[in-house]
Each structure stands twice: as C-alpha cells, then as structure tokens.
Protein backbone atom coordinates (compact mmCIF):
# COMPACT_ATOMS: atom_id res chain seq x y z
CA UNK A 1 203.55 199.36 -14.56
CA UNK A 2 202.69 198.39 -11.02
CA UNK A 3 204.21 195.67 -8.88
CA UNK A 4 202.01 192.93 -7.41
CA UNK A 5 202.55 191.33 -4.01
CA UNK A 6 203.02 187.60 -4.68
CA UNK A 7 204.18 186.29 -1.29
CA UNK A 8 203.42 187.59 2.19
CA UNK A 9 204.89 186.93 5.61
CA UNK A 10 208.55 186.90 4.64
CA UNK A 11 211.09 187.54 7.35
CA UNK A 12 212.73 190.94 7.10
CA UNK A 13 215.08 190.98 5.43
CA UNK A 14 214.92 189.18 2.06
CA UNK A 15 218.58 189.47 1.10
CA UNK A 16 218.97 187.12 -1.89
CA UNK A 17 216.80 186.01 -4.81
CA UNK A 18 217.63 183.74 -7.75
CA UNK A 19 215.70 181.72 -10.31
CA UNK A 20 216.62 178.06 -10.79
CA UNK A 21 216.75 176.49 -14.28
CA UNK A 22 213.32 174.87 -13.76
CA UNK A 23 211.68 178.13 -12.69
CA UNK A 24 211.66 177.68 -8.90
CA UNK A 25 212.90 180.60 -6.80
CA UNK A 26 215.60 180.59 -4.14
CA UNK A 27 215.28 183.21 -1.41
CA UNK A 28 217.41 183.91 1.65
CA UNK A 29 215.62 185.61 4.52
CA UNK A 30 217.35 186.88 7.65
CA UNK A 31 216.27 188.94 10.65
CA UNK A 32 219.42 191.04 10.52
CA UNK A 33 220.60 189.72 13.89
CA UNK A 34 223.22 187.24 15.06
CA UNK A 35 220.38 184.93 16.16
CA UNK A 36 218.12 183.43 14.95
CA UNK A 37 220.02 182.37 11.81
CA UNK A 38 219.08 183.14 8.24
CA UNK A 39 217.17 180.59 6.20
CA UNK A 40 217.09 179.45 2.60
CA UNK A 41 213.67 178.91 1.04
CA UNK A 42 212.64 177.28 -2.21
CA UNK A 43 209.49 178.80 -3.68
CA UNK A 44 207.46 177.32 -6.52
CA UNK A 45 204.49 177.98 -8.79
CA UNK A 46 202.51 181.11 -9.63
CA UNK A 47 201.85 181.70 -5.92
CA UNK A 48 205.57 181.40 -5.03
CA UNK A 49 204.61 178.93 -2.29
CA UNK A 50 207.36 177.71 0.02
CA UNK A 51 208.14 174.05 -0.74
CA UNK A 52 211.39 173.68 1.26
CA UNK A 53 213.32 175.52 3.98
CA UNK A 54 216.87 175.17 5.29
CA UNK A 55 218.24 177.03 8.33
CA UNK A 56 221.77 178.30 8.81
CA UNK A 57 222.14 179.94 5.39
CA UNK A 58 222.78 183.68 5.02
CA UNK A 59 223.38 186.16 2.22
CA UNK A 60 225.24 186.96 0.12
CA UNK A 61 225.07 183.89 -2.08
CA UNK A 62 225.93 182.72 -5.58
CA UNK A 63 224.30 180.00 -7.67
CA UNK A 64 226.66 177.62 -9.49
CA UNK A 65 226.57 177.78 -13.31
CA UNK A 66 224.76 174.42 -13.53
CA UNK A 67 222.20 175.55 -10.94
CA UNK A 68 222.82 172.56 -8.68
CA UNK A 69 224.71 174.19 -5.80
CA UNK A 70 224.43 177.38 -3.82
CA UNK A 71 227.44 179.03 -2.21
CA UNK A 72 226.32 181.23 0.67
CA UNK A 73 227.40 182.79 3.95
CA UNK A 74 227.15 180.44 6.92
CA UNK A 75 225.91 181.17 10.45
CA UNK A 76 227.04 184.51 11.83
CA UNK A 77 229.55 184.73 14.69
CA UNK A 78 228.99 187.79 16.92
CA UNK A 79 226.98 189.24 14.06
CA UNK A 80 229.82 188.87 11.56
CA UNK A 81 230.39 186.51 8.66
CA UNK A 82 232.96 183.87 9.47
CA UNK A 83 232.33 180.96 7.09
CA UNK A 84 230.65 179.85 3.89
CA UNK A 85 228.41 176.87 3.22
CA UNK A 86 227.68 174.91 0.07
CA UNK A 87 224.12 173.67 -0.36
CA UNK A 88 223.27 170.71 -2.60
CA UNK A 89 220.00 171.95 -4.06
CA UNK A 90 218.83 168.52 -5.24
CA UNK A 91 219.41 166.84 -1.86
CA UNK A 92 218.53 170.09 -0.05
CA UNK A 93 221.19 170.00 2.63
CA UNK A 94 224.51 171.65 3.47
CA UNK A 95 227.32 169.47 2.15
CA UNK A 96 230.32 171.53 3.23
CA UNK A 97 231.41 174.43 5.40
CA UNK A 98 234.50 176.45 4.51
CA UNK A 99 236.53 179.12 6.41
CA UNK A 100 235.94 181.82 3.78
CA UNK A 101 233.45 184.64 3.44
CA UNK A 102 231.94 187.09 0.94
CA UNK A 103 232.08 188.07 -1.83
CA UNK A 104 231.28 184.94 -3.85
CA UNK A 105 231.50 184.26 -7.60
CA UNK A 106 231.66 180.89 -9.38
CA UNK A 107 234.24 180.47 -12.15
CA UNK A 108 232.81 177.07 -13.10
CA UNK A 109 230.95 174.30 -11.26
CA UNK A 110 233.99 173.45 -9.09
CA UNK A 111 235.91 176.71 -8.59
CA UNK A 112 234.86 179.99 -7.05
CA UNK A 113 236.16 183.28 -5.67
CA UNK A 114 235.76 184.05 -1.96
CA UNK A 115 237.69 185.90 0.74
CA UNK A 116 239.97 184.57 3.47
CA UNK A 117 241.17 186.58 6.46
CA UNK A 118 243.88 188.25 4.36
CA UNK A 119 243.18 187.74 0.66
CA UNK A 120 240.71 187.19 -2.12
CA UNK A 121 241.13 183.51 -2.96
CA UNK A 122 240.15 180.92 -5.55
CA UNK A 123 238.72 177.78 -3.95
CA UNK A 124 238.93 174.58 -6.04
CA UNK A 125 236.52 172.00 -4.65
CA UNK A 126 237.75 169.21 -6.93
CA UNK A 127 241.42 169.68 -6.01
CA UNK A 128 240.62 170.75 -2.43
CA UNK A 129 242.91 173.79 -2.70
CA UNK A 130 242.69 177.49 -1.84
CA UNK A 131 244.87 179.93 -3.80
CA UNK A 132 245.29 183.63 -2.84
CA UNK A 133 245.04 186.06 -5.76
CA UNK A 134 244.64 189.53 -4.21
CA UNK A 135 245.69 190.85 -0.80
CA UNK A 136 243.02 192.50 1.34
CA UNK A 137 243.05 194.55 4.52
CA UNK A 138 240.83 193.95 7.59
CA UNK A 139 239.83 197.63 7.56
CA UNK A 140 238.83 197.52 3.88
CA UNK A 141 237.73 194.04 2.87
CA UNK A 142 236.29 193.01 -0.48
CA UNK A 143 232.50 193.44 -0.30
CA UNK A 144 231.07 192.78 -3.77
CA UNK A 145 231.99 191.01 -6.99
CA UNK A 146 230.86 190.54 -10.58
CA UNK A 147 232.08 188.04 -13.16
CA UNK A 148 231.99 188.39 -16.94
CA UNK A 149 229.53 186.35 -19.00
CA UNK A 150 232.41 184.27 -20.34
CA UNK A 151 233.70 183.83 -16.77
CA UNK A 152 237.19 184.86 -17.78
CA UNK A 153 237.44 188.18 -15.88
CA UNK A 154 236.23 189.02 -12.38
CA UNK A 155 235.68 192.49 -10.92
CA UNK A 156 235.75 193.06 -7.18
CA UNK A 157 235.39 196.08 -4.90
CA UNK A 158 236.20 196.87 -1.29
CA UNK A 159 234.02 198.90 1.05
CA UNK A 160 236.12 202.00 0.35
CA UNK A 161 235.92 201.44 -3.39
CA UNK A 162 239.25 199.88 -4.29
CA UNK A 163 238.05 198.27 -7.51
CA UNK A 164 240.10 195.54 -9.21
CA UNK A 165 239.88 193.47 -12.38
CA UNK A 166 241.53 190.03 -12.42
CA UNK A 167 241.86 187.20 -14.91
CA UNK A 168 240.01 184.13 -13.71
CA UNK A 169 242.54 181.71 -15.21
CA UNK A 170 245.66 182.74 -13.27
CA UNK A 171 244.37 185.46 -10.92
CA UNK A 172 246.63 188.10 -12.47
CA UNK A 173 245.68 191.74 -12.03
CA UNK A 174 244.45 193.58 -15.14
CA UNK A 175 243.82 196.95 -13.53
CA UNK A 176 243.06 198.43 -10.12
CA UNK A 177 241.41 201.67 -9.00
CA UNK A 178 242.72 202.85 -5.60
CA UNK A 179 240.49 203.13 -2.55
CA UNK A 180 238.96 206.47 -1.65
CA UNK A 181 240.29 208.41 1.31
CA UNK A 182 237.00 209.45 2.95
CA UNK A 183 233.43 208.16 2.90
CA UNK A 184 231.90 211.01 0.89
CA UNK A 185 234.21 210.18 -2.04
CA UNK A 186 232.20 207.01 -2.59
CA UNK A 187 231.66 203.61 -0.95
CA UNK A 188 230.71 200.58 -3.07
CA UNK A 189 227.85 198.19 -2.22
CA UNK A 190 227.26 196.38 -5.53
CA UNK A 191 228.77 195.87 -8.99
CA UNK A 192 227.15 195.15 -12.36
CA UNK A 193 228.68 194.53 -15.79
CA UNK A 194 227.26 196.42 -18.75
CA UNK A 195 228.82 194.35 -21.54
CA UNK A 196 226.84 196.17 -24.24
CA UNK A 197 228.65 199.44 -23.47
CA UNK A 198 231.88 197.88 -22.14
CA UNK A 199 231.35 199.32 -18.68
CA UNK A 200 231.53 198.27 -15.05
CA UNK A 201 228.81 199.95 -12.98
CA UNK A 202 229.66 200.49 -9.30
CA UNK A 203 226.80 201.36 -6.94
CA UNK A 204 226.93 202.72 -3.41
CA UNK A 205 226.92 205.93 -1.46
CA UNK A 206 228.86 209.21 -1.41
CA UNK A 207 228.95 212.41 -3.45
CA UNK A 208 227.98 210.06 -6.29
CA UNK A 209 226.15 206.74 -6.06
CA UNK A 210 226.76 205.36 -9.57
CA UNK A 211 230.22 205.14 -11.11
CA UNK A 212 230.87 203.96 -14.68
CA UNK A 213 234.29 202.47 -15.43
CA UNK A 214 235.77 201.12 -18.66
CA UNK A 215 235.78 197.31 -18.40
CA UNK A 216 239.15 196.94 -20.10
CA UNK A 217 241.11 199.74 -18.41
CA UNK A 218 239.23 200.89 -15.29
CA UNK A 219 239.23 204.49 -16.56
CA UNK A 220 236.23 206.46 -15.33
CA UNK A 221 233.62 207.17 -18.00
CA UNK A 222 231.09 208.96 -15.84
CA UNK A 223 229.27 209.21 -12.53
CA UNK A 224 225.80 210.05 -11.31
CA UNK A 225 223.96 211.04 -8.13
CA UNK A 226 220.67 209.20 -8.61
CA UNK A 227 219.52 209.39 -5.00
CA UNK A 228 220.22 213.12 -4.92
CA UNK A 229 217.70 213.70 -7.72
CA UNK A 230 214.85 211.69 -6.19
CA UNK A 231 213.16 214.50 -4.16
CA UNK A 232 212.95 216.70 -7.27
CA UNK A 233 211.08 213.86 -8.99
CA UNK A 234 208.55 213.65 -6.15
CA UNK A 235 210.12 210.47 -4.71
CA UNK A 236 211.33 209.91 -1.14
CA UNK A 237 214.98 210.61 -0.46
CA UNK A 238 217.11 207.46 -0.38
CA UNK A 239 220.46 207.10 1.33
CA UNK A 240 222.07 204.51 -0.94
CA UNK A 241 221.75 202.05 -3.80
CA UNK A 242 221.76 198.56 -2.27
CA UNK A 243 221.41 195.81 -4.87
CA UNK A 244 221.42 195.23 -8.59
CA UNK A 245 220.20 192.73 -11.19
CA UNK A 246 221.08 192.66 -14.88
CA UNK A 247 218.97 191.28 -17.72
CA UNK A 248 220.54 189.67 -20.78
CA UNK A 249 219.71 192.66 -23.01
CA UNK A 250 221.59 195.07 -20.73
CA UNK A 251 218.67 196.43 -18.69
CA UNK A 252 219.76 196.96 -15.08
CA UNK A 253 217.48 197.18 -12.04
CA UNK A 254 218.79 198.89 -8.89
CA UNK A 255 217.21 198.61 -5.44
CA UNK A 256 217.28 201.58 -3.04
CA UNK A 257 215.98 202.64 0.37
CA UNK A 258 212.29 203.37 1.01
CA UNK A 259 210.96 201.17 -1.79
CA UNK A 260 212.60 203.09 -4.64
CA UNK A 261 213.55 201.09 -7.73
CA UNK A 262 215.77 202.53 -10.46
CA UNK A 263 215.71 201.02 -13.95
CA UNK A 264 218.76 201.77 -16.08
CA UNK A 265 217.87 201.14 -19.71
CA UNK A 266 220.39 199.84 -22.28
CA UNK A 267 220.68 203.37 -23.71
CA UNK A 268 221.88 204.67 -20.32
CA UNK A 269 218.67 206.37 -19.18
CA UNK A 270 217.84 205.97 -15.47
CA UNK A 271 214.17 205.92 -14.47
CA UNK A 272 213.40 205.80 -10.72
CA UNK A 273 209.97 204.86 -9.34
CA UNK A 274 208.45 203.87 -6.03
CA UNK A 275 207.35 200.21 -5.86
CA UNK A 276 207.11 199.66 -2.10
CA UNK A 277 207.46 201.25 1.31
CA UNK A 278 210.76 199.93 2.66
CA UNK A 279 214.30 199.17 1.50
CA UNK A 280 214.80 196.92 -1.54
CA UNK A 281 217.64 194.49 -0.82
CA UNK A 282 217.26 191.69 -3.38
CA UNK A 283 216.33 191.59 -7.06
CA UNK A 284 216.09 188.85 -9.71
CA UNK A 285 214.82 188.75 -13.27
CA UNK A 286 212.48 185.76 -13.65
CA UNK A 287 210.14 184.13 -16.18
CA UNK A 288 212.54 184.58 -19.05
CA UNK A 289 213.37 188.15 -18.04
CA UNK A 290 209.78 189.34 -18.46
CA UNK A 291 209.32 190.07 -14.74
CA UNK A 292 211.42 191.42 -11.90
CA UNK A 293 211.13 189.78 -8.46
CA UNK A 294 211.68 192.23 -5.59
CA UNK A 295 212.45 191.54 -1.92
CA UNK A 296 213.73 193.45 1.08
CA UNK A 297 212.41 194.79 4.37
CA UNK A 298 208.71 194.77 3.51
CA UNK A 299 207.68 191.26 4.69
CA UNK A 300 206.64 190.30 1.17
CA UNK A 301 207.85 189.63 -2.35
CA UNK A 302 206.73 191.79 -5.24
CA UNK A 303 206.57 190.95 -8.95
CA UNK A 304 206.97 193.70 -11.53
CA UNK A 305 206.31 193.19 -15.28
CA UNK A 306 209.21 194.52 -17.32
C-alpha cells in the first residue's frame, strides 16, 4: 500500500496529530525554533483543508477524553518548554496557562498528569490543585507517558529510561525500572500500551530501540533493534524511533527518521517500509482506524490505507 499526500505546505515540523470525535483533524506545526511559535491547526474534509489556526501552541499535546479540550505545551522560553496551555476547542482559544510541562496524559475531563520543576504531578482543574506523585531530576526529566484504556494506570519514562507505573487514583507506585547508566543502554522517546499481550512498548535509541515490558510487573519480556536491521532490508538507516500510534485492535505504527514507518502487527511481527523522504514525527489513526495520517519534516501530510 502506498501513502498519498493529502495536504501540502505544512510547516516543518508536524509534531502532533489527533482526530476529533466529528472527524476533523488537529495538527500542531512548529519550526523547531524558539521563535516563531508553534501553531495549532484544525483541518477538515477529504482535502484536510485548514479551517482554523491558533498561535502559541506547541507539542506534545493530549486531547481530553470528551474531545473538547487540548492540553499542550505553551510558548517556548529560550527554546525550552516552560508552561502548558489548555485550548477550548469549541471556542477555539486558550483558556488557561499553567506552570507545568510535558509529558501530558488526561485521567478524566478535569484531571491530568504533567510535570513540575521537581515532580510528576496530577493537576485537578475543578479543585484547582496540583499534587506531586513522583519525584524527578532536572538531568533526567520525564519525557513520555501512556495511560491505560481504563485510565486507572499510567506509565511514564524519563530520557534515560527510568520507567514507572503508577495508579491514577492515588498516585502510588506499582513498579519502577531504574534509569540506564549510559546512552547506548537505551534512551526512551515514546511509550505504547499493548493491552492484547499485556506489554508496555518503549521506543527510542541505543543498543536496542524497542523494549517490551510486562504491564503488571515491569519485567523485561524482550527487546529489538529495528533500525539496525533496516539497511539489510534495502531501507535507509534510521537513528531512532520517534513517535507511535496504537489502533484499537493492537496494531502499532512507529515513525522513524528518513521517512521510514514500522508497523507492528498484533502478532508481534514488525514490518518496516519507506513512506516518505524525511523524519516522521506524528502519527494518528483516522477514519475509524482504516487509515494512518502521517506528519513530520516533509512539509506535507500523508494518508496511508491500513
């Protein structure tokens, strides 16, 4: 199957994609610089035409369970994330700015996980409270997060792959995998939950780029070096796995450097292919999971039947 370019002239880089309940697409584009700021776009219809744009919104981002609010990184300060913003998607404006940063995961429509200067926290918008649940270090902050389908357990990872599982109700720690000592032992860029096999999939870079952990215990079940096998398959070498999207049936799509897409089927098979020329940095299953929307550094969006 071949991807089709469905939108041209995007700003490198497309860093976030999500489908709204009505079928419209949210996209965050950013130039990768401190200025100008990133922007949130709403795209609609078969042509994915831009129908609304809002400046001052950066990735990463998380859509609330009801699809009415977007939690995203705010304007960068000296090129670094320093705050988060909440966007009312019906009114299409920023309603609140908060002194927290990535990673983001909604527990329900009023509570979410984020990171303060010293801890992973739970922010309660209704009660206007912030509660620390896991200490973090400036040299190894939390970078990515995944929440279970029932929204009762959250999994979070630091840059140096300290991976933790916490209960959403009280923030108590279920298990924790210690950070690595050196880069080549594995750095984590994205997490995905494989509920069908009871596994947490950690993606990144190192002597392996895919790590499979038991959801309940954190015990390692296996690891893979997908990028290391690409040249033997006639594909360009990629440095890292950047982003991930999971379909309801367990199919996982993984975006890599140089336009390489890896599909991990529910039976565990990984099939890499080349769908573009530059890095893939955002993925979303759309149209009832029948298509994969792809964005990144290519100045376009691609649509892949799946």
